[in-house]
Amino acid sequence: MTLGDKLTRIQNQIARLQERRKRVRKQREKLNCQIALYFYKDVEKIFGKDFCPSFVVGFLEQIQILSSQIQKHEWRKQEYSSCPCSQDENTSPINKGDKAFSEGKST
């Protein structure tokens, strides 16, 4: 096998990996959209006829701002710990809120 053949082989492997990465990203996007839709529907059921997306967002923001650190810690210990978004502390909405809360900012 010549050096040119090896280079071509490596380039083909890189191209295949890049395509696989694109497919995985699309699958992740699709799953995130499904999760968001299920969440939306659950929130809609909870609020019933009073459901309004902007109201719910404002409501959650106020809960996040006004909740104590102890309450936030309790939430983390409960079912939230099984949420896929909580696995990475840099992307966790509660952790982002904690940082903003401790800095005196709203999320």
Foldseek 3Di string as FASTA:
>chain_A
DDPVVVVVVVVVVVVVVVVVVVVVVVVVVVVVVVVVVVVLVVVCVVCPPNDDVVVVVVVVQVCLQPDDPVVLVVVCPPPVVVDPQVPDLVRDPSNVSVVCNVVVHTD
